[in-house]
Amino acid sequence: MERYDLRKYKEDQLFERMTEIMNKEAKEGEIIIFMFEVGDFSPVTKSMEVMKSEGHEIINSVKFNEVDWTLVVKRKAS
C-alpha cells in the first residue's frame, strides 16, 4: 500500500499523474491512496471516472479535511 500526496497538482495534471501512478508505478492488485485538493468537488467525480475507465477498483473515497480528499484505489490485475 502506497500513499501519494497529489495536492501540488492542478486539476489538469492531477488525472494524468493518477493514471501514470496506477499504470506504471503500482503493482498488480496493489492498493494506492491518493490525496488531493477538492475545491468544488468535481475532481472527486472526475478522478473516480478516470480510475474506473482504466479498469481499477475504487475502494473508498473520503473527505480528509476542509480542502483535501483521499481516494483509495486497487490496481487492476492484468
PDB file of N, CA and C in Angstrom:
ATOM      1  N   MET A   1       0.852  -1.165   0.000  1.00  0.00           N
ATOM      2  CA  MET A   1       0.000   0.000   0.000  1.00  0.00           C
ATOM      3  C   MET A   1       0.902   1.234   0.000  1.00  0.00           C
ATOM      4  N   GLU A   2       0.615   2.144  -0.931  1.00  0.00           N
ATOM      5  CA  GLU A   2       1.383   3.381  -1.038  1.00  0.00           C
ATOM      6  C   GLU A   2       0.426   4.563  -0.954  1.00  0.00           C
ATOM      7  N   ARG A   3       0.915   5.661  -0.405  1.00  0.00           N
ATOM      8  CA  ARG A   3       0.141   6.894  -0.347  1.00  0.00           C
ATOM      9  C   ARG A   3       0.848   7.941  -1.186  1.00  0.00           C
ATOM     10  N   TYR A   4       0.097   8.617  -2.035  1.00  0.00           N
ATOM     11  CA  TYR A   4       0.643   9.656  -2.900  1.00  0.00           C
ATOM     12  C   TYR A   4      -0.051  10.976  -2.600  1.00  0.00           C
ATOM     13  N   ASP A   5       0.733  11.978  -2.264  1.00  0.00           N
ATOM     14  CA  ASP A   5       0.221  13.315  -1.998  1.00  0.00           C
ATOM     15  C   ASP A   5       0.239  14.092  -3.309  1.00  0.00           C
ATOM     16  N   LEU A   6      -0.928  14.291  -3.889  1.00  0.00           N
ATOM     17  CA  LEU A   6      -1.045  14.970  -5.179  1.00  0.00           C
ATOM     18  C   LEU A   6      -1.610  16.383  -5.022  1.00  0.00           C
ATOM     19  N   ARG A   7      -1.535  16.939  -3.823  1.00  0.00           N
ATOM     20  CA  ARG A   7      -2.101  18.265  -3.571  1.00  0.00           C
ATOM     21  C   ARG A   7      -1.398  19.360  -4.362  1.00  0.00           C
ATOM     22  N   LYS A   8      -0.177  19.137  -4.777  1.00  0.00           N
ATOM     23  CA  LYS A   8       0.547  20.171  -5.531  1.00  0.00           C
ATOM     24  C   LYS A   8       0.117  20.225  -7.003  1.00  0.00           C
ATOM     25  N   TYR A   9      -0.603  19.224  -7.467  1.00  0.00           N
ATOM     26  CA  TYR A   9      -1.012  19.169  -8.871  1.00  0.00           C
ATOM     27  C   TYR A   9      -2.319  19.922  -9.093  1.00  0.00           C
ATOM     28  N   LYS A  10      -2.355  20.693 -10.151  1.00  0.00           N
ATOM     29  CA  LYS A  10      -3.588  21.359 -10.560  1.00  0.00           C
ATOM     30  C   LYS A  10      -4.475  20.321 -11.224  1.00  0.00           C
ATOM     31  N   GLU A  11      -5.742  20.631 -11.345  1.00  0.00           N
ATOM     32  CA  GLU A  11      -6.712  19.656 -11.851  1.00  0.00           C
ATOM     33  C   GLU A  11      -6.320  19.073 -13.210  1.00  0.00           C
ATOM     34  N   ASP A  12      -5.774  19.890 -14.099  1.00  0.00           N
ATOM     35  CA  ASP A  12      -5.424  19.388 -15.431  1.00  0.00           C
ATOM     36  C   ASP A  12      -4.292  18.364 -15.402  1.00  0.00           C
ATOM     37  N   GLN A  13      -3.437  18.413 -14.394  1.00  0.00           N
ATOM     38  CA  GLN A  13      -2.326  17.460 -14.263  1.00  0.00           C
ATOM     39  C   GLN A  13      -2.645  16.308 -13.324  1.00  0.00           C
ATOM     40  N   LEU A  14      -3.633  16.503 -12.468  1.00  0.00           N
ATOM     41  CA  LEU A  14      -3.969  15.523 -11.433  1.00  0.00           C
ATOM     42  C   LEU A  14      -4.323  14.163 -12.012  1.00  0.00           C
ATOM     43  N   PHE A  15      -5.220  14.136 -12.977  1.00  0.00           N
ATOM     44  CA  PHE A  15      -5.708  12.865 -13.517  1.00  0.00           C
ATOM     45  C   PHE A  15      -4.628  12.150 -14.329  1.00  0.00           C
ATOM     46  N   GLU A  16      -3.811  12.927 -15.009  1.00  0.00           N
ATOM     47  CA  GLU A  16      -2.683  12.351 -15.753  1.00  0.00           C
ATOM     48  C   GLU A  16      -1.706  11.672 -14.799  1.00  0.00           C
ATOM     49  N   ARG A  17      -1.415  12.330 -13.679  1.00  0.00           N
ATOM     50  CA  ARG A  17      -0.482  11.762 -12.696  1.00  0.00           C
ATOM     51  C   ARG A  17      -1.077  10.523 -12.029  1.00  0.00           C
ATOM     52  N   MET A  18      -2.367  10.548 -11.708  1.00  0.00           N
ATOM     53  CA  MET A  18      -3.020   9.382 -11.100  1.00  0.00           C
ATOM     54  C   MET A  18      -2.916   8.172 -12.028  1.00  0.00           C
ATOM     55  N   THR A  19      -3.212   8.398 -13.293  1.00  0.00           N
ATOM     56  CA  THR A  19      -3.150   7.322 -14.284  1.00  0.00           C
ATOM     57  C   THR A  19      -1.734   6.794 -14.423  1.00  0.00           C
ATOM     58  N   GLU A  20      -0.765   7.691 -14.438  1.00  0.00           N
ATOM     59  CA  GLU A  20       0.638   7.291 -14.538  1.00  0.00           C
ATOM     60  C   GLU A  20       1.050   6.420 -13.347  1.00  0.00           C
ATOM     61  N   ILE A  21       0.662   6.831 -12.159  1.00  0.00           N
ATOM     62  CA  ILE A  21       0.998   6.057 -10.953  1.00  0.00           C
ATOM     63  C   ILE A  21       0.382   4.662 -11.027  1.00  0.00           C
ATOM     64  N   MET A  22      -0.902   4.593 -11.350  1.00  0.00           N
ATOM     65  CA  MET A  22      -1.589   3.299 -11.370  1.00  0.00           C
ATOM     66  C   MET A  22      -1.036   2.370 -12.443  1.00  0.00           C
ATOM     67  N   ASN A  23      -0.691   2.898 -13.594  1.00  0.00           N
ATOM     68  CA  ASN A  23      -0.266   2.051 -14.707  1.00  0.00           C
ATOM     69  C   ASN A  23       1.232   1.769 -14.757  1.00  0.00           C
ATOM     70  N   LYS A  24       2.042   2.601 -14.112  1.00  0.00           N
ATOM     71  CA  LYS A  24       3.494   2.429 -14.211  1.00  0.00           C
ATOM     72  C   LYS A  24       4.194   2.148 -12.885  1.00  0.00           C
ATOM     73  N   GLU A  25       3.646   2.664 -11.783  1.00  0.00           N
ATOM     74  CA  GLU A  25       4.333   2.534 -10.502  1.00  0.00           C
ATOM     75  C   GLU A  25       3.703   1.491  -9.576  1.00  0.00           C
ATOM     76  N   ALA A  26       2.393   1.368  -9.618  1.00  0.00           N
ATOM     77  CA  ALA A  26       1.700   0.420  -8.739  1.00  0.00           C
ATOM     78  C   ALA A  26       1.815  -0.998  -9.293  1.00  0.00           C
ATOM     79  N   LYS A  27       1.915  -1.947  -8.387  1.00  0.00           N
ATOM     80  CA  LYS A  27       1.944  -3.356  -8.784  1.00  0.00           C
ATOM     81  C   LYS A  27       0.511  -3.852  -8.954  1.00  0.00           C
ATOM     82  N   GLU A  28       0.337  -4.918  -9.704  1.00  0.00           N
ATOM     83  CA  GLU A  28      -0.989  -5.513  -9.890  1.00  0.00           C
ATOM     84  C   GLU A  28      -1.617  -5.831  -8.532  1.00  0.00           C
ATOM     85  N   GLY A  29      -2.864  -5.419  -8.341  1.00  0.00           N
ATOM     86  CA  GLY A  29      -3.581  -5.704  -7.102  1.00  0.00           C
ATOM     87  C   GLY A  29      -3.206  -4.813  -5.931  1.00  0.00           C
ATOM     88  N   GLU A  30      -2.251  -3.904  -6.110  1.00  0.00           N
ATOM     89  CA  GLU A  30      -1.809  -3.035  -5.017  1.00  0.00           C
ATOM     90  C   GLU A  30      -2.847  -1.958  -4.724  1.00  0.00           C
ATOM     91  N   ILE A  31      -2.968  -1.604  -3.455  1.00  0.00           N
ATOM     92  CA  ILE A  31      -3.863  -0.543  -3.005  1.00  0.00           C
ATOM     93  C   ILE A  31      -3.065   0.760  -2.977  1.00  0.00           C
ATOM     94  N   ILE A  32      -3.629   1.792  -3.610  1.00  0.00           N
ATOM     95  CA  ILE A  32      -2.987   3.103  -3.659  1.00  0.00           C
ATOM     96  C   ILE A  32      -3.926   4.122  -3.027  1.00  0.00           C
ATOM     97  N   ILE A  33      -3.374   4.992  -2.194  1.00  0.00           N
ATOM     98  CA  ILE A  33      -4.141   6.066  -1.572  1.00  0.00           C
ATOM     99  C   ILE A  33      -3.670   7.383  -2.178  1.00  0.00           C
ATOM    100  N   PHE A  34      -4.594   8.092  -2.790  1.00  0.00           N
ATOM    101  CA  PHE A  34      -4.307   9.400  -3.359  1.00  0.00           C
ATOM    102  C   PHE A  34      -4.888  10.474  -2.450  1.00  0.00           C
ATOM    103  N   MET A  35      -4.124  11.531  -2.219  1.00  0.00           N
ATOM    104  CA  MET A  35      -4.633  12.693  -1.504  1.00  0.00           C
ATOM    105  C   MET A  35      -4.526  13.885  -2.445  1.00  0.00           C
ATOM    106  N   PHE A  36      -5.622  14.622  -2.588  1.00  0.00           N
ATOM    107  CA  PHE A  36      -5.619  15.786  -3.465  1.00  0.00           C
ATOM    108  C   PHE A  36      -6.611  16.831  -2.964  1.00  0.00           C
ATOM    109  N   GLU A  37      -6.459  18.069  -3.464  1.00  0.00           N
ATOM    110  CA  GLU A  37      -7.361  19.155  -3.087  1.00  0.00           C
ATOM    111  C   GLU A  37      -8.645  19.071  -3.892  1.00  0.00           C
ATOM    112  N   VAL A  38      -9.766  19.457  -3.265  1.00  0.00           N
ATOM    113  CA  VAL A  38     -11.037  19.361  -3.971  1.00  0.00           C
ATOM    114  C   VAL A  38     -11.657  20.670  -4.391  1.00  0.00           C
ATOM    115  N   GLY A  39     -11.686  21.694  -3.763  1.00  0.00           N
ATOM    116  CA  GLY A  39     -12.348  22.902  -4.250  1.00  0.00           C
ATOM    117  C   GLY A  39     -13.843  22.711  -4.449  1.00  0.00           C
ATOM    118  N   ASP A  40     -14.293  22.457  -5.690  1.00  0.00           N
ATOM    119  CA  ASP A  40     -15.728  22.372  -5.996  1.00  0.00           C
ATOM    120  C   ASP A  40     -16.254  20.944  -6.157  1.00  0.00           C
ATOM    121  N   PHE A  41     -15.571  19.959  -5.694  1.00  0.00           N
ATOM    122  CA  PHE A  41     -15.964  18.550  -5.711  1.00  0.00           C
ATOM    123  C   PHE A  41     -15.818  17.871  -7.073  1.00  0.00           C
ATOM    124  N   SER A  42     -15.707  18.631  -8.164  1.00  0.00           N
ATOM    125  CA  SER A  42     -15.593  18.000  -9.487  1.00  0.00           C
ATOM    126  C   SER A  42     -14.358  17.100  -9.627  1.00  0.00           C
ATOM    127  N   PRO A  43     -13.211  17.413  -8.985  1.00  0.00           N
ATOM    128  CA  PRO A  43     -12.075  16.494  -9.095  1.00  0.00           C
ATOM    129  C   PRO A  43     -12.354  15.109  -8.507  1.00  0.00           C
ATOM    130  N   VAL A  44     -13.231  15.046  -7.518  1.00  0.00           N
ATOM    131  CA  VAL A  44     -13.570  13.753  -6.901  1.00  0.00           C
ATOM    132  C   VAL A  44     -14.296  12.885  -7.926  1.00  0.00           C
ATOM    133  N   THR A  45     -15.324  13.422  -8.510  1.00  0.00           N
ATOM    134  CA  THR A  45     -16.104  12.683  -9.500  1.00  0.00           C
ATOM    135  C   THR A  45     -15.244  12.295 -10.695  1.00  0.00           C
ATOM    136  N   LYS A  46     -14.488  13.253 -11.197  1.00  0.00           N
ATOM    137  CA  LYS A  46     -13.646  13.006 -12.378  1.00  0.00           C
ATOM    138  C   LYS A  46     -12.572  11.956 -12.068  1.00  0.00           C
ATOM    139  N   SER A  47     -11.944  12.021 -10.895  1.00  0.00           N
ATOM    140  CA  SER A  47     -10.903  11.044 -10.557  1.00  0.00           C
ATOM    141  C   SER A  47     -11.471   9.635 -10.479  1.00  0.00           C
ATOM    142  N   MET A  48     -12.681   9.490  -9.942  1.00  0.00           N
ATOM    143  CA  MET A  48     -13.316   8.171  -9.886  1.00  0.00           C
ATOM    144  C   MET A  48     -13.644   7.668 -11.290  1.00  0.00           C
ATOM    145  N   GLU A  49     -14.128   8.549 -12.146  1.00  0.00           N
ATOM    146  CA  GLU A  49     -14.428   8.170 -13.531  1.00  0.00           C
ATOM    147  C   GLU A  49     -13.162   7.727 -14.265  1.00  0.00           C
ATOM    148  N   VAL A  50     -12.073   8.464 -14.070  1.00  0.00           N
ATOM    149  CA  VAL A  50     -10.803   8.127 -14.726  1.00  0.00           C
ATOM    150  C   VAL A  50     -10.300   6.765 -14.251  1.00  0.00           C
ATOM    151  N   MET A  51     -10.326   6.523 -12.954  1.00  0.00           N
ATOM    152  CA  MET A  51      -9.831   5.252 -12.421  1.00  0.00           C
ATOM    153  C   MET A  51     -10.700   4.089 -12.896  1.00  0.00           C
ATOM    154  N   LYS A  52     -12.002   4.256 -12.897  1.00  0.00           N
ATOM    155  CA  LYS A  52     -12.906   3.199 -13.372  1.00  0.00           C
ATOM    156  C   LYS A  52     -12.704   2.930 -14.859  1.00  0.00           C
ATOM    157  N   SER A  53     -12.512   3.997 -15.645  1.00  0.00           N
ATOM    158  CA  SER A  53     -12.316   3.817 -17.087  1.00  0.00           C
ATOM    159  C   SER A  53     -11.018   3.079 -17.397  1.00  0.00           C
ATOM    160  N   GLU A  54     -10.047   3.170 -16.492  1.00  0.00           N
ATOM    161  CA  GLU A  54      -8.781   2.449 -16.640  1.00  0.00           C
ATOM    162  C   GLU A  54      -8.897   1.003 -16.146  1.00  0.00           C
ATOM    163  N   GLY A  55     -10.029   0.662 -15.530  1.00  0.00           N
ATOM    164  CA  GLY A  55     -10.260  -0.696 -15.061  1.00  0.00           C
ATOM    165  C   GLY A  55      -9.880  -0.946 -13.615  1.00  0.00           C
ATOM    166  N   HIS A  56      -9.523   0.107 -12.883  1.00  0.00           N
ATOM    167  CA  HIS A  56      -9.143  -0.037 -11.483  1.00  0.00           C
ATOM    168  C   HIS A  56     -10.385   0.002 -10.594  1.00  0.00           C
ATOM    169  N   GLU A  57     -10.273  -0.538  -9.398  1.00  0.00           N
ATOM    170  CA  GLU A  57     -11.400  -0.632  -8.471  1.00  0.00           C
ATOM    171  C   GLU A  57     -11.320   0.463  -7.415  1.00  0.00           C
ATOM    172  N   ILE A  58     -12.391   1.232  -7.276  1.00  0.00           N
ATOM    173  CA  ILE A  58     -12.470   2.252  -6.227  1.00  0.00           C
ATOM    174  C   ILE A  58     -12.839   1.549  -4.923  1.00  0.00           C
ATOM    175  N   ILE A  59     -11.983   1.681  -3.930  1.00  0.00           N
ATOM    176  CA  ILE A  59     -12.218   1.047  -2.631  1.00  0.00           C
ATOM    177  C   ILE A  59     -12.931   2.015  -1.682  1.00  0.00           C
ATOM    178  N   ASN A  60     -12.478   3.282  -1.667  1.00  0.00           N
ATOM    179  CA  ASN A  60     -13.045   4.259  -0.745  1.00  0.00           C
ATOM    180  C   ASN A  60     -12.782   5.666  -1.266  1.00  0.00           C
ATOM    181  N   SER A  61     -13.614   6.594  -0.842  1.00  0.00           N
ATOM    182  CA  SER A  61     -13.482   7.999  -1.209  1.00  0.00           C
ATOM    183  C   SER A  61     -13.958   8.802  -0.009  1.00  0.00           C
ATOM    184  N   VAL A  62     -13.045   9.557   0.623  1.00  0.00           N
ATOM    185  CA  VAL A  62     -13.357  10.193   1.893  1.00  0.00           C
ATOM    186  C   VAL A  62     -12.816  11.621   1.942  1.00  0.00           C
ATOM    187  N   LYS A  63     -13.618  12.518   2.496  1.00  0.00           N
ATOM    188  CA  LYS A  63     -13.143  13.880   2.735  1.00  0.00           C
ATOM    189  C   LYS A  63     -12.169  13.817   3.905  1.00  0.00           C
ATOM    190  N   PHE A  64     -10.952  14.300   3.690  1.00  0.00           N
ATOM    191  CA  PHE A  64      -9.899  14.207   4.701  1.00  0.00           C
ATOM    192  C   PHE A  64      -9.969  15.378   5.681  1.00  0.00           C
ATOM    193  N   ASN A  65     -10.180  16.572   5.150  1.00  0.00           N
ATOM    194  CA  ASN A  65     -10.356  17.773   5.968  1.00  0.00           C
ATOM    195  C   ASN A  65     -11.137  18.776   5.120  1.00  0.00           C
ATOM    196  N   GLU A  66     -11.073  20.049   5.433  1.00  0.00           N
ATOM    197  CA  GLU A  66     -11.879  21.044   4.714  1.00  0.00           C
ATOM    198  C   GLU A  66     -11.522  21.180   3.233  1.00  0.00           C
ATOM    199  N   VAL A  67     -10.292  20.912   2.851  1.00  0.00           N
ATOM    200  CA  VAL A  67      -9.884  21.118   1.451  1.00  0.00           C
ATOM    201  C   VAL A  67      -9.318  19.883   0.761  1.00  0.00           C
ATOM    202  N   ASP A  68      -9.019  18.843   1.498  1.00  0.00           N
ATOM    203  CA  ASP A  68      -8.363  17.671   0.925  1.00  0.00           C
ATOM    204  C   ASP A  68      -9.279  16.457   0.888  1.00  0.00           C
ATOM    205  N   TRP A  69      -9.006  15.587  -0.084  1.00  0.00           N
ATOM    206  CA  TRP A  69      -9.795  14.382  -0.298  1.00  0.00           C
ATOM    207  C   TRP A  69      -8.853  13.211  -0.440  1.00  0.00           C
ATOM    208  N   THR A  70      -9.268  12.035   0.041  1.00  0.00           N
ATOM    209  CA  THR A  70      -8.492  10.817  -0.213  1.00  0.00           C
ATOM    210  C   THR A  70      -9.326   9.870  -1.054  1.00  0.00           C
ATOM    211  N   LEU A  71      -8.655   9.238  -1.986  1.00  0.00           N
ATOM    212  CA  LEU A  71      -9.279   8.248  -2.865  1.00  0.00           C
ATOM    213  C   LEU A  71      -8.430   6.994  -2.766  1.00  0.00           C
ATOM    214  N   VAL A  72      -9.056   5.892  -2.413  1.00  0.00           N
ATOM    215  CA  VAL A  72      -8.351   4.618  -2.271  1.00  0.00           C
ATOM    216  C   VAL A  72      -8.728   3.736  -3.466  1.00  0.00           C
ATOM    217  N   VAL A  73      -7.703   3.291  -4.197  1.00  0.00           N
ATOM    218  CA  VAL A  73      -7.918   2.580  -5.449  1.00  0.00           C
ATOM    219  C   VAL A  73      -7.071   1.297  -5.463  1.00  0.00           C
ATOM    220  N   LYS A  74      -7.655   0.230  -5.966  1.00  0.00           N
ATOM    221  CA  LYS A  74      -6.924  -1.029  -6.135  1.00  0.00           C
ATOM    222  C   LYS A  74      -6.592  -1.188  -7.611  1.00  0.00           C
ATOM    223  N   ARG A  75      -5.303  -1.400  -7.891  1.00  0.00           N
ATOM    224  CA  ARG A  75      -4.878  -1.550  -9.281  1.00  0.00           C
ATOM    225  C   ARG A  75      -5.408  -2.859  -9.860  1.00  0.00           C
ATOM    226  N   LYS A  76      -5.840  -2.777 -11.085  1.00  0.00           N
ATOM    227  CA  LYS A  76      -6.370  -3.948 -11.769  1.00  0.00           C
ATOM    228  C   LYS A  76      -5.269  -4.985 -11.979  1.00  0.00           C
ATOM    229  N   ALA A  77      -5.671  -6.214 -12.049  1.00  0.00           N
ATOM    230  CA  ALA A  77      -4.751  -7.295 -12.418  1.00  0.00           C
ATOM    231  C   ALA A  77      -4.796  -7.436 -13.930  1.00  0.00           C
ATOM    232  N   SER A  78      -3.691  -7.734 -14.515  1.00  0.00           N
ATOM    233  CA  SER A  78      -3.645  -7.872 -15.993  1.00  0.00           C
ATOM    234  C   SER A  78      -4.329  -9.106 -16.480  1.00  0.00           C
TER     235      SER A  78
END
